[in-house]
Amino acid sequence: MTGRSQTAMAIFSTLRFLSRSRTNILFRSYSSSGQAAAQTQEVIHMVDSQSSAGQTLSETEQVPTVDFADTREAYKSKLTRELVRGLLVYKLCSIDLFVDHHKKLLQWSERFLGPRLFELFMRLTFYGQFVAGENASGIRPSVRWHAAYGVGSILDYSVEEDLSHEEAERKEMESCVPEAEAEAKVETGRERQFVAHRRFGDRREHVVSARTFFYADEAKCDQHMETFLHSVKTAAETSDDGFTAIKLTALGRPQFLMMFSEVLVKWRRFFYHLAEEQGLGEKSAMKKHLSLDTLQDSLAKLGVATRDEAGHWLTLIDSDSSGTVDLCEWNQLIDQRTECSRLLVVPNPKTGTVEPLLQSFTGEEERQMKRMLQRMHTLITAAVKSRVRLMVDAEQSYFQPAISRLALEMMRQFNHDDAVIFNTYQCYLQEAYDAVTVDLELSRREGWHFGAKLVRGAYMEQERERATVVGYPDPINPSAESTSHMYHRCLNSILKGIAARGCARVLVASHNEGTMKYTIQRMAELGLRPGDRQVYFGQLLGMCDHISFPLGQAGYPVYKYVPYGPVREVLPYLSRRAQENRGMMRGADLERKLLWAELKRRTLAGTLFFKPLPTPPQAHNHHHPNTVTQ
């Protein structure tokens, strides 16, 4: 078998999985700011000019009151010593000299104090602030204590390898460069964005809020899968309605994600090129409806298929028999291309010809790809069986198209009765709105529950620098304001979808107070009740308690992203928390001011030795389901 044929068979297997995932064929075989507030108002005015899909709450169903400045409510679950710890940690994180040299300082502290005292020091400071415990039994008290105040948990086993920069770079280049390309040592003609670059081999650089996995071998991927399975089990044991988070780069060789992302992006670009040819370039993604007749001619002219073959494919994906194809339907086109050799090429509008998509896979590379899919299926099966929701974390833009497509197929297969699988959408990406609306529309057409986690994004600085150095368009929105605008635009689209038919769920993962207020307001305007548990909120453990706990006490479904793991093994995670908090504290000291205000209030009230007693959240939080249906 030739190299191109091997590649074709490998990619064909993946596409068959994507198109038939519901029948399980393959799987059986294997900072809040004034600007942000202003931006919120801008988006509110924008969406209010559109027709609302739902009805506002009646006078008898008032919006629960949430006061993010009420320190008594925000910190009612905290002992005074925990407030002092928070102040100390936040203050240290705001000192550049400390953050710049924190690794050396920690190493010196361990040598001076010894292992046992160093671990105690960490538990009393950074570890105690940002990590819930070492294992299931260790985190159970924290998870249940939060639940008593209306705050759920998203479990994240935050242990990483402590690799040197050189080791990380070497592993990345070895795992992201196909064997055939490494041997050829010539220009492949592939998109620069989807080719590994040594300067950016250490994907941990300039990343402050996401774990990073590097491929070592298949045995290591199996270990990562076991770790995630343990996290699923822990979530089931410690919570009635928990989440657990996974990363797909931990489950297989990232070369597959990078190459498959290139396939998906090239086909989408070709759709936009054809839309421009048909005079539809200015329309939004879901309003681009391409004529079938014109598409047949275009595909035949480029040599992608004969006119009859193209007509057959296009008829199959024209689900509503409208005589046109939109982006939802177009995304299914590559699933229909059953001639293996045809999977190797993509139309190049500039040259009017077709060009190779990928270089050849070896037999082992093909097996590695299939094992990644098998590990995904094992995790999903375990999560569904344990009644735990699975959240697929977002990663770099050169991996993300493949990750999102695989997450989408998981949703299509498993989200029929409720949203069990959630995909993460990074709203600092310029294409975020198109991605959200296309997937949301597909869920409406096919009748399954759309699950989304919205974040602003964790890789902005790294992505910008890589695009500049490597030489491709910057995928990031130009400013913080435009990212906030994108976030609210994506959120509003999902909220209107929930109001219209109810078959969607969204986790609003943000520390931005303006975004929280915007979400609450839009929920009220669209008639979405907190007790229906369709809109969730999420913040990191140890941060923004003044947002999380008032929301939970008011009856809104809110979750803390709960890291856990042994002290020494979560030090890389704690390192990023220090760096992230420096950025937050430099821009605003709201959280420190609130902590100080609560300490002063307790001092004046004579309640420094206050002992928290859980009080039930408001009644509209009581009737939510305690399990996730399969």
Foldseek 3Di string as FASTA:
>chain_A
DDLLLQQLVLVLLVLLCLLCVQVVVLLVVAFADPLLLVLLVVLVVVCVVPDFQFAFDDPVADQFDFDLLPLCLLCLLDALLLLVLLLVLLVLLQDPVCLVCVVVVLVVCCVVLPDVVSQVVCCSHLCVQFFQAAALVSNLVVQVSCVLLQAHAAEEAQFDDPDDLVVQLVLQQVLQDFPVCVVVVDDDPADLLLHDDSVCSNVVPQFQADDDDGDDDQVQLVVLLVVLLRRLVSQLVRALAYAYEDELVSNFRLNVLLLVLSLLVLLVVVLLVQLVVVVNNVPDQQPRWAAQQVQLVLCCQQVLDHSVVSSVLLVVLPVVPPRTDGPLSSSSSVSPPNPSSSSQWGGDVVVSYIDGSDTGHDPVRSVRVSNSVNSVVVSLVSNQVSQHAYEYDADDPSRHVSSLSVLLSVQLNPQQPHHRYEYEAALQFPCRQVSLVSSLVVCVVSRGAYHYEYDNDRCQVVQVVSCVVSPHDRRGHPDPSSSSSSRVSSVLVQLSSCLNPNRYAYEHEDLHPSVVVSNSVSCSRRVNDQLQRRYEYEYERSPSSSPQSSCSQSQHHYYYHHHHHDDVRNVVSSSSVSNVSNVNVVVDDVVSVSSVVVCVVCVVVVNSRPDRDRDHRDPSNPPHDSGRHD
